[in-house]
Amino acid sequence: MKIQGKVIKYGDDINTDEIIPAGYLVTTEPEELAKHCMEGRDRDFLQKVKSAPILVAGKNFGCGSSREHAPIALKATGVKCIVASSFARIFFRNAINIGLPICECKKCVDECREGDLFKIDMEEGKIENMTQSKIYKINPYPGFLQRLIKEGGIEGWVRQRLKGKEEKRG
């Protein structure tokens, strides 16, 4: 899985309430959640993500509640990948479950600037900051997680498996 795009950069401790405020948790519709994504931190986020779909943040990204609405909202805005120094454990798992690629690389986060152009290769385990001509190693996803993300998360993965069983029966 290869991802390319410009960077939007934030600091440490971006919590789930900043990503999607609690008042919008009455829906799980991705398009509706996307309209309010990051409004607790950056009112210009929706405009920025159109030209810079890679979100970079400091430590403890996604801390706070266990709401899966947060990664759903980010993915629905067009975020292609999140690179952070570290993630809250439940956010990390929720992101994988919905098919949103994320990776940890503190040195990359520390050295990059907003607007840098990244090329991320999740299979090879590297982030290339094309603007600064730097390459960073990340832990590549195992094959099964790559398939899960490529198929849109757990729901997409299950749909593909059920579809395959139907085709075999038919």
N, C-alpha and C. Protein backbone atom coordinates (compact mmCIF):
# COMPACT_ATOMS: atom_id res chain seq x y z
N MET A 1 0.84 -1.18 0.00
CA MET A 1 0.00 0.00 0.00
C MET A 1 0.89 1.23 0.00
N LYS A 2 0.70 2.05 -1.01
CA LYS A 2 1.48 3.27 -1.15
C LYS A 2 0.55 4.48 -1.05
N ILE A 3 1.00 5.47 -0.29
CA ILE A 3 0.19 6.66 -0.03
C ILE A 3 1.08 7.88 -0.28
N GLN A 4 0.54 8.86 -0.97
CA GLN A 4 1.33 10.06 -1.23
C GLN A 4 0.46 11.29 -1.01
N GLY A 5 1.06 12.33 -0.46
CA GLY A 5 0.35 13.58 -0.28
C GLY A 5 1.11 14.54 0.60
N LYS A 6 0.59 15.74 0.67
CA LYS A 6 1.17 16.77 1.53
C LYS A 6 0.68 16.60 2.97
N VAL A 7 1.42 17.22 3.87
CA VAL A 7 1.22 17.07 5.30
C VAL A 7 0.45 18.23 5.91
N ILE A 8 -0.49 17.89 6.80
CA ILE A 8 -1.08 18.84 7.75
C ILE A 8 -0.47 18.44 9.09
N LYS A 9 0.05 19.36 9.85
CA LYS A 9 0.77 18.99 11.07
C LYS A 9 0.12 19.62 12.31
N TYR A 10 -0.01 18.79 13.34
CA TYR A 10 -0.54 19.21 14.65
C TYR A 10 0.40 18.74 15.75
N GLY A 11 0.13 19.15 16.96
CA GLY A 11 0.98 18.82 18.11
C GLY A 11 0.54 17.57 18.85
N ASP A 12 0.85 17.56 20.13
CA ASP A 12 0.58 16.40 21.00
C ASP A 12 -0.86 16.40 21.52
N ASP A 13 -1.26 15.22 21.97
CA ASP A 13 -2.50 15.02 22.73
C ASP A 13 -3.77 15.49 22.02
N ILE A 14 -3.89 15.21 20.73
CA ILE A 14 -5.14 15.50 20.01
C ILE A 14 -6.14 14.46 20.48
N ASN A 15 -7.18 14.90 21.19
CA ASN A 15 -8.12 13.92 21.75
C ASN A 15 -9.33 13.72 20.85
N THR A 16 -10.07 12.67 21.14
CA THR A 16 -11.20 12.32 20.28
C THR A 16 -12.29 13.37 20.30
N ASP A 17 -12.41 14.14 21.36
CA ASP A 17 -13.41 15.21 21.40
C ASP A 17 -13.01 16.37 20.48
N GLU A 18 -11.72 16.58 20.30
CA GLU A 18 -11.27 17.59 19.34
C GLU A 18 -11.46 17.08 17.90
N ILE A 19 -11.27 15.80 17.72
CA ILE A 19 -11.43 15.21 16.38
C ILE A 19 -12.89 15.25 15.95
N ILE A 20 -13.79 14.80 16.84
CA ILE A 20 -15.22 14.87 16.56
C ILE A 20 -15.93 15.15 17.89
N PRO A 21 -16.41 16.38 18.07
CA PRO A 21 -17.05 16.76 19.33
C PRO A 21 -18.24 15.86 19.68
N ALA A 22 -18.42 15.63 20.96
CA ALA A 22 -19.44 14.71 21.47
C ALA A 22 -20.85 15.03 20.97
N GLY A 23 -21.15 16.27 20.71
CA GLY A 23 -22.48 16.64 20.24
C GLY A 23 -22.87 16.03 18.91
N TYR A 24 -21.88 15.54 18.16
CA TYR A 24 -22.16 14.95 16.84
C TYR A 24 -22.18 13.43 16.86
N LEU A 25 -22.13 12.84 18.05
CA LEU A 25 -22.09 11.39 18.15
C LEU A 25 -23.46 10.74 18.00
N VAL A 26 -24.46 11.51 17.63
CA VAL A 26 -25.80 10.97 17.41
C VAL A 26 -25.90 10.27 16.06
N THR A 27 -24.85 10.34 15.27
CA THR A 27 -24.84 9.68 13.96
C THR A 27 -23.54 8.91 13.79
N THR A 28 -23.59 7.91 12.94
CA THR A 28 -22.36 7.21 12.54
C THR A 28 -22.14 7.36 11.04
N GLU A 29 -22.93 8.23 10.41
CA GLU A 29 -22.79 8.47 8.98
C GLU A 29 -21.48 9.22 8.71
N PRO A 30 -20.57 8.58 7.97
CA PRO A 30 -19.25 9.20 7.74
C PRO A 30 -19.32 10.61 7.16
N GLU A 31 -20.20 10.83 6.20
CA GLU A 31 -20.27 12.15 5.56
C GLU A 31 -20.70 13.24 6.54
N GLU A 32 -21.61 12.90 7.43
CA GLU A 32 -22.08 13.86 8.43
C GLU A 32 -20.98 14.14 9.46
N LEU A 33 -20.30 13.09 9.91
CA LEU A 33 -19.20 13.26 10.86
C LEU A 33 -18.08 14.10 10.25
N ALA A 34 -17.80 13.87 8.98
CA ALA A 34 -16.72 14.61 8.31
C ALA A 34 -16.94 16.12 8.35
N LYS A 35 -18.19 16.55 8.28
CA LYS A 35 -18.49 17.99 8.27
C LYS A 35 -18.00 18.70 9.54
N HIS A 36 -17.82 17.93 10.62
CA HIS A 36 -17.46 18.54 11.91
C HIS A 36 -16.09 18.08 12.41
N CYS A 37 -15.37 17.36 11.57
CA CYS A 37 -14.09 16.80 11.97
C CYS A 37 -13.07 17.90 12.28
N MET A 38 -12.41 17.76 13.38
CA MET A 38 -11.33 18.63 13.86
C MET A 38 -11.78 20.06 14.16
N GLU A 39 -13.09 20.32 14.17
CA GLU A 39 -13.52 21.69 14.43
C GLU A 39 -13.16 22.13 15.84
N GLY A 40 -12.93 21.19 16.74
CA GLY A 40 -12.48 21.53 18.09
C GLY A 40 -11.03 21.95 18.16
N ARG A 41 -10.27 21.72 17.09
CA ARG A 41 -8.84 22.05 17.07
C ARG A 41 -8.50 23.05 15.96
N ASP A 42 -9.12 22.87 14.79
CA ASP A 42 -8.73 23.67 13.63
C ASP A 42 -9.94 23.85 12.71
N ARG A 43 -10.53 25.03 12.75
CA ARG A 43 -11.73 25.31 11.94
C ARG A 43 -11.46 25.25 10.43
N ASP A 44 -10.19 25.35 10.02
CA ASP A 44 -9.84 25.31 8.61
C ASP A 44 -9.44 23.90 8.14
N PHE A 45 -9.59 22.91 9.00
CA PHE A 45 -9.13 21.56 8.68
C PHE A 45 -9.74 21.03 7.38
N LEU A 46 -11.05 21.17 7.22
CA LEU A 46 -11.71 20.61 6.03
C LEU A 46 -11.17 21.21 4.74
N GLN A 47 -10.81 22.47 4.78
CA GLN A 47 -10.22 23.11 3.61
C GLN A 47 -8.79 22.60 3.39
N LYS A 48 -8.03 22.48 4.48
CA LYS A 48 -6.63 22.05 4.39
C LYS A 48 -6.50 20.62 3.87
N VAL A 49 -7.38 19.73 4.33
CA VAL A 49 -7.24 18.30 4.01
C VAL A 49 -7.45 18.03 2.52
N LYS A 50 -8.11 18.93 1.83
CA LYS A 50 -8.31 18.76 0.38
C LYS A 50 -6.98 18.72 -0.37
N SER A 51 -6.03 19.53 0.08
CA SER A 51 -4.74 19.58 -0.60
C SER A 51 -3.63 18.89 0.19
N ALA A 52 -3.90 18.52 1.43
CA ALA A 52 -2.88 17.89 2.28
C ALA A 52 -3.52 16.74 3.06
N PRO A 53 -3.63 15.56 2.44
CA PRO A 53 -4.38 14.46 3.05
C PRO A 53 -3.61 13.57 4.03
N ILE A 54 -2.38 13.94 4.37
CA ILE A 54 -1.64 13.16 5.36
C ILE A 54 -1.55 13.99 6.64
N LEU A 55 -2.12 13.45 7.70
CA LEU A 55 -2.15 14.15 8.98
C LEU A 55 -0.96 13.67 9.81
N VAL A 56 -0.17 14.60 10.30
CA VAL A 56 0.98 14.30 11.15
C VAL A 56 0.73 14.96 12.50
N ALA A 57 0.99 14.21 13.57
CA ALA A 57 0.75 14.74 14.91
C ALA A 57 1.78 14.17 15.88
N GLY A 58 1.84 14.78 17.04
CA GLY A 58 2.79 14.37 18.07
C GLY A 58 2.36 13.12 18.80
N LYS A 59 2.64 13.12 20.09
CA LYS A 59 2.37 11.92 20.89
C LYS A 59 0.90 11.86 21.33
N ASN A 60 0.46 10.64 21.60
CA ASN A 60 -0.85 10.37 22.21
C ASN A 60 -2.03 10.80 21.33
N PHE A 61 -1.89 10.65 20.01
CA PHE A 61 -2.97 11.02 19.11
C PHE A 61 -4.17 10.11 19.35
N GLY A 62 -5.35 10.71 19.44
CA GLY A 62 -6.58 9.95 19.62
C GLY A 62 -6.87 9.56 21.06
N CYS A 63 -6.25 10.27 22.00
CA CYS A 63 -6.52 9.98 23.41
C CYS A 63 -7.94 10.41 23.76
N GLY A 64 -8.41 9.99 24.90
CA GLY A 64 -9.76 10.36 25.32
C GLY A 64 -10.67 9.15 25.29
N SER A 65 -11.83 9.33 24.73
CA SER A 65 -12.82 8.25 24.74
C SER A 65 -12.50 7.20 23.68
N SER A 66 -13.22 6.11 23.73
CA SER A 66 -12.99 5.01 22.80
C SER A 66 -13.84 5.13 21.54
N ARG A 67 -14.43 6.29 21.32
CA ARG A 67 -15.35 6.44 20.19
C ARG A 67 -14.70 6.15 18.85
N GLU A 68 -15.33 5.24 18.11
CA GLU A 68 -14.82 4.94 16.76
C GLU A 68 -15.21 6.01 15.77
N HIS A 69 -16.05 6.94 16.20
CA HIS A 69 -16.45 8.05 15.35
C HIS A 69 -15.25 8.88 14.89
N ALA A 70 -14.21 8.96 15.74
CA ALA A 70 -13.06 9.81 15.43
C ALA A 70 -12.33 9.34 14.17
N PRO A 71 -11.88 8.08 14.08
CA PRO A 71 -11.23 7.68 12.84
C PRO A 71 -12.19 7.64 11.65
N ILE A 72 -13.46 7.35 11.88
CA ILE A 72 -14.45 7.38 10.79
C ILE A 72 -14.53 8.79 10.21
N ALA A 73 -14.60 9.79 11.08
CA ALA A 73 -14.68 11.19 10.63
C ALA A 73 -13.43 11.58 9.85
N LEU A 74 -12.26 11.22 10.36
CA LEU A 74 -11.01 11.57 9.68
C LEU A 74 -10.94 10.93 8.30
N LYS A 75 -11.26 9.66 8.22
CA LYS A 75 -11.22 8.97 6.93
C LYS A 75 -12.21 9.60 5.95
N ALA A 76 -13.39 9.95 6.43
CA ALA A 76 -14.43 10.52 5.56
C ALA A 76 -14.05 11.90 5.03
N THR A 77 -13.15 12.61 5.71
CA THR A 77 -12.71 13.92 5.21
C THR A 77 -11.73 13.78 4.06
N GLY A 78 -11.16 12.59 3.90
CA GLY A 78 -10.15 12.38 2.86
C GLY A 78 -8.76 12.16 3.41
N VAL A 79 -8.61 12.08 4.73
CA VAL A 79 -7.30 11.75 5.30
C VAL A 79 -6.91 10.37 4.78
N LYS A 80 -5.72 10.29 4.18
CA LYS A 80 -5.24 9.02 3.62
C LYS A 80 -4.41 8.23 4.61
N CYS A 81 -3.75 8.94 5.53
CA CYS A 81 -2.88 8.28 6.50
C CYS A 81 -2.60 9.25 7.64
N ILE A 82 -2.38 8.70 8.82
CA ILE A 82 -1.96 9.50 9.97
C ILE A 82 -0.60 8.98 10.43
N VAL A 83 0.35 9.89 10.57
CA VAL A 83 1.67 9.58 11.10
C VAL A 83 1.78 10.34 12.42
N ALA A 84 2.07 9.63 13.49
CA ALA A 84 2.17 10.28 14.80
C ALA A 84 3.36 9.72 15.57
N SER A 85 3.78 10.46 16.59
CA SER A 85 4.83 9.95 17.48
C SER A 85 4.31 8.74 18.24
N SER A 86 3.03 8.81 18.66
CA SER A 86 2.37 7.67 19.30
C SER A 86 0.86 7.87 19.24
N PHE A 87 0.14 6.76 19.37
CA PHE A 87 -1.32 6.78 19.34
C PHE A 87 -1.87 6.21 20.63
N ALA A 88 -3.04 6.69 21.02
CA ALA A 88 -3.78 6.02 22.09
C ALA A 88 -4.14 4.64 21.55
N ARG A 89 -4.02 3.62 22.39
CA ARG A 89 -4.21 2.23 21.92
C ARG A 89 -5.56 2.00 21.27
N ILE A 90 -6.63 2.50 21.88
CA ILE A 90 -7.96 2.24 21.34
C ILE A 90 -8.15 2.97 20.00
N PHE A 91 -7.57 4.15 19.85
CA PHE A 91 -7.66 4.85 18.57
C PHE A 91 -6.93 4.05 17.50
N PHE A 92 -5.75 3.54 17.83
CA PHE A 92 -4.97 2.75 16.89
C PHE A 92 -5.81 1.59 16.36
N ARG A 93 -6.43 0.87 17.27
CA ARG A 93 -7.23 -0.30 16.86
C ARG A 93 -8.47 0.12 16.08
N ASN A 94 -9.14 1.18 16.51
CA ASN A 94 -10.32 1.66 15.78
C ASN A 94 -9.96 2.09 14.36
N ALA A 95 -8.81 2.73 14.20
CA ALA A 95 -8.39 3.17 12.87
C ALA A 95 -8.17 1.96 11.95
N ILE A 96 -7.47 0.97 12.45
CA ILE A 96 -7.24 -0.25 11.67
C ILE A 96 -8.58 -0.90 11.33
N ASN A 97 -9.48 -0.97 12.31
CA ASN A 97 -10.78 -1.62 12.11
C ASN A 97 -11.61 -0.98 11.00
N ILE A 98 -11.44 0.32 10.79
CA ILE A 98 -12.22 0.99 9.74
C ILE A 98 -11.41 1.20 8.46
N GLY A 99 -10.17 0.71 8.45
CA GLY A 99 -9.37 0.78 7.24
C GLY A 99 -8.63 2.08 7.03
N LEU A 100 -8.28 2.77 8.10
CA LEU A 100 -7.52 4.02 8.01
C LEU A 100 -6.06 3.73 8.35
N PRO A 101 -5.14 3.82 7.40
CA PRO A 101 -3.74 3.55 7.67
C PRO A 101 -3.13 4.57 8.64
N ILE A 102 -2.41 4.06 9.62
CA ILE A 102 -1.71 4.91 10.58
C ILE A 102 -0.35 4.29 10.87
N CYS A 103 0.61 5.12 11.24
CA CYS A 103 1.92 4.60 11.60
C CYS A 103 2.61 5.56 12.57
N GLU A 104 3.53 4.99 13.34
CA GLU A 104 4.28 5.77 14.32
C GLU A 104 5.71 5.98 13.85
N CYS A 105 6.17 7.23 13.96
CA CYS A 105 7.56 7.55 13.63
C CYS A 105 7.90 8.91 14.24
N LYS A 106 8.40 8.89 15.46
CA LYS A 106 8.68 10.12 16.19
C LYS A 106 9.67 11.03 15.45
N LYS A 107 10.74 10.44 14.92
CA LYS A 107 11.76 11.25 14.24
C LYS A 107 11.17 11.96 13.02
N CYS A 108 10.34 11.27 12.27
CA CYS A 108 9.68 11.87 11.11
C CYS A 108 8.80 13.03 11.54
N VAL A 109 8.01 12.81 12.59
CA VAL A 109 7.12 13.85 13.10
C VAL A 109 7.94 15.07 13.56
N ASP A 110 9.01 14.81 14.29
CA ASP A 110 9.83 15.92 14.80
C ASP A 110 10.47 16.74 13.68
N GLU A 111 10.84 16.09 12.58
CA GLU A 111 11.59 16.76 11.53
C GLU A 111 10.75 17.33 10.39
N CYS A 112 9.51 16.89 10.24
CA CYS A 112 8.73 17.38 9.10
C CYS A 112 8.06 18.71 9.40
N ARG A 113 7.63 19.36 8.33
CA ARG A 113 6.93 20.63 8.42
C ARG A 113 5.61 20.54 7.68
N GLU A 114 4.67 21.34 8.08
CA GLU A 114 3.41 21.40 7.36
C GLU A 114 3.68 21.73 5.89
N GLY A 115 3.02 21.00 5.01
CA GLY A 115 3.19 21.23 3.58
C GLY A 115 4.22 20.32 2.92
N ASP A 116 5.05 19.61 3.73
CA ASP A 116 6.00 18.67 3.14
C ASP A 116 5.24 17.61 2.36
N LEU A 117 5.87 17.08 1.34
CA LEU A 117 5.29 16.03 0.53
C LEU A 117 5.84 14.68 0.98
N PHE A 118 4.94 13.78 1.36
CA PHE A 118 5.31 12.45 1.83
C PHE A 118 4.93 11.40 0.79
N LYS A 119 5.76 10.37 0.73
CA LYS A 119 5.42 9.13 0.02
C LYS A 119 5.59 8.03 1.07
N ILE A 120 4.51 7.34 1.38
CA ILE A 120 4.53 6.32 2.43
C ILE A 120 4.30 4.96 1.78
N ASP A 121 5.17 4.02 2.11
CA ASP A 121 5.03 2.65 1.61
C ASP A 121 4.84 1.74 2.82
N MET A 122 3.60 1.34 3.06
CA MET A 122 3.28 0.53 4.23
C MET A 122 3.83 -0.89 4.10
N GLU A 123 4.02 -1.38 2.88
CA GLU A 123 4.55 -2.73 2.68
C GLU A 123 6.04 -2.79 2.95
N GLU A 124 6.77 -1.79 2.45
CA GLU A 124 8.22 -1.75 2.66
C GLU A 124 8.57 -1.19 4.04
N GLY A 125 7.65 -0.47 4.65
CA GLY A 125 7.91 0.11 5.95
C GLY A 125 8.78 1.35 5.89
N LYS A 126 8.36 2.31 5.05
CA LYS A 126 9.16 3.54 5.00
C LYS A 126 8.28 4.74 4.66
N ILE A 127 8.74 5.88 5.17
CA ILE A 127 8.15 7.18 4.85
C ILE A 127 9.25 7.98 4.19
N GLU A 128 8.95 8.48 3.01
CA GLU A 128 9.91 9.36 2.33
C GLU A 128 9.36 10.77 2.37
N ASN A 129 10.11 11.67 3.01
CA ASN A 129 9.77 13.08 2.99
C ASN A 129 10.45 13.63 1.74
N MET A 130 9.69 13.73 0.66
CA MET A 130 10.25 14.13 -0.63
C MET A 130 10.71 15.59 -0.63
N THR A 131 10.07 16.42 0.18
CA THR A 131 10.46 17.83 0.28
C THR A 131 11.85 17.97 0.88
N GLN A 132 12.13 17.19 1.92
CA GLN A 132 13.41 17.30 2.63
C GLN A 132 14.43 16.22 2.22
N SER A 133 14.04 15.34 1.30
CA SER A 133 14.91 14.23 0.85
C SER A 133 15.39 13.39 2.02
N LYS A 134 14.44 12.98 2.87
CA LYS A 134 14.75 12.13 4.02
C LYS A 134 13.85 10.89 3.97
N ILE A 135 14.40 9.78 4.46
CA ILE A 135 13.65 8.53 4.52
C ILE A 135 13.65 8.03 5.96
N TYR A 136 12.49 7.56 6.41
CA TYR A 136 12.31 7.06 7.77
C TYR A 136 11.77 5.63 7.71
N LYS A 137 12.27 4.79 8.58
CA LYS A 137 11.77 3.41 8.69
C LYS A 137 10.56 3.39 9.63
N ILE A 138 9.56 2.62 9.22
CA ILE A 138 8.41 2.35 10.07
C ILE A 138 8.19 0.84 10.06
N ASN A 139 7.42 0.36 11.01
CA ASN A 139 7.09 -1.06 11.03
C ASN A 139 6.04 -1.33 9.96
N PRO A 140 6.39 -2.20 8.99
CA PRO A 140 5.39 -2.52 7.97
C PRO A 140 4.25 -3.33 8.58
N TYR A 141 3.06 -3.15 8.03
CA TYR A 141 1.93 -3.95 8.48
C TYR A 141 2.10 -5.39 8.00
N PRO A 142 1.70 -6.35 8.82
CA PRO A 142 1.67 -7.73 8.32
C PRO A 142 0.65 -7.83 7.19
N GLY A 143 0.80 -8.84 6.37
CA GLY A 143 -0.05 -9.02 5.19
C GLY A 143 -1.54 -8.97 5.49
N PHE A 144 -1.97 -9.62 6.58
CA PHE A 144 -3.40 -9.65 6.87
C PHE A 144 -3.94 -8.26 7.21
N LEU A 145 -3.13 -7.41 7.85
CA LEU A 145 -3.59 -6.04 8.14
C LEU A 145 -3.60 -5.20 6.87
N GLN A 146 -2.66 -5.44 5.99
CA GLN A 146 -2.66 -4.73 4.71
C GLN A 146 -3.94 -5.05 3.93
N ARG A 147 -4.32 -6.35 3.90
CA ARG A 147 -5.56 -6.74 3.22
C ARG A 147 -6.77 -6.11 3.89
N LEU A 148 -6.79 -6.13 5.21
CA LEU A 148 -7.91 -5.56 5.96
C LEU A 148 -8.10 -4.09 5.62
N ILE A 149 -7.02 -3.33 5.59
CA ILE A 149 -7.10 -1.91 5.27
C ILE A 149 -7.49 -1.71 3.82
N LYS A 150 -6.88 -2.47 2.91
CA LYS A 150 -7.17 -2.35 1.48
C LYS A 150 -8.65 -2.64 1.20
N GLU A 151 -9.26 -3.53 1.98
CA GLU A 151 -10.67 -3.89 1.78
C GLU A 151 -11.62 -3.00 2.56
N GLY A 152 -11.10 -1.93 3.16
CA GLY A 152 -11.95 -0.94 3.82
C GLY A 152 -12.22 -1.20 5.29
N GLY A 153 -11.40 -2.02 5.92
CA GLY A 153 -11.57 -2.31 7.34
C GLY A 153 -12.27 -3.64 7.55
N ILE A 154 -12.66 -3.90 8.79
CA ILE A 154 -13.27 -5.19 9.13
C ILE A 154 -14.55 -5.44 8.35
N GLU A 155 -15.41 -4.42 8.23
CA GLU A 155 -16.67 -4.63 7.50
C GLU A 155 -16.41 -5.02 6.05
N GLY A 156 -15.51 -4.33 5.39
CA GLY A 156 -15.17 -4.64 4.01
C GLY A 156 -14.53 -6.02 3.88
N TRP A 157 -13.68 -6.35 4.83
CA TRP A 157 -13.02 -7.65 4.83
C TRP A 157 -14.05 -8.77 4.96
N VAL A 158 -15.01 -8.61 5.87
CA VAL A 158 -16.06 -9.62 6.06
C VAL A 158 -16.92 -9.71 4.80
N ARG A 159 -17.30 -8.56 4.24
CA ARG A 159 -18.09 -8.57 2.99
C ARG A 159 -17.40 -9.36 1.89
N GLN A 160 -16.08 -9.15 1.73
CA GLN A 160 -15.32 -9.87 0.72
C GLN A 160 -15.35 -11.38 0.98
N ARG A 161 -15.22 -11.78 2.23
CA ARG A 161 -15.24 -13.20 2.57
C ARG A 161 -16.61 -13.80 2.30
N LEU A 162 -17.66 -13.08 2.67
CA LEU A 162 -19.02 -13.58 2.42
C LEU A 162 -19.31 -13.64 0.93
N LYS A 163 -18.85 -12.65 0.19
CA LYS A 163 -19.03 -12.64 -1.26
C LYS A 163 -18.33 -13.85 -1.89
N GLY A 164 -17.15 -14.15 -1.44
CA GLY A 164 -16.40 -15.30 -1.94
C GLY A 164 -17.13 -16.61 -1.67
N LYS A 165 -17.74 -16.73 -0.49
CA LYS A 165 -18.51 -17.94 -0.16
C LYS A 165 -19.75 -18.05 -1.04
N GLU A 166 -20.40 -16.91 -1.29
CA GLU A 166 -21.59 -16.91 -2.16
C GLU A 166 -21.23 -17.33 -3.57
N GLU A 167 -20.11 -16.84 -4.06
CA GLU A 167 -19.67 -17.17 -5.43
C GLU A 167 -19.33 -18.65 -5.54
N LYS A 168 -18.76 -19.24 -4.49
CA LYS A 168 -18.42 -20.66 -4.50
C LYS A 168 -19.69 -21.52 -4.50
N ARG A 169 -20.72 -21.05 -3.78
CA ARG A 169 -21.99 -21.80 -3.71
C ARG A 169 -22.77 -21.69 -5.02
N GLY A 170 -22.69 -20.49 -5.65
CA GLY A 170 -23.50 -20.17 -6.82
C GLY A 170 -23.03 -20.84 -8.03
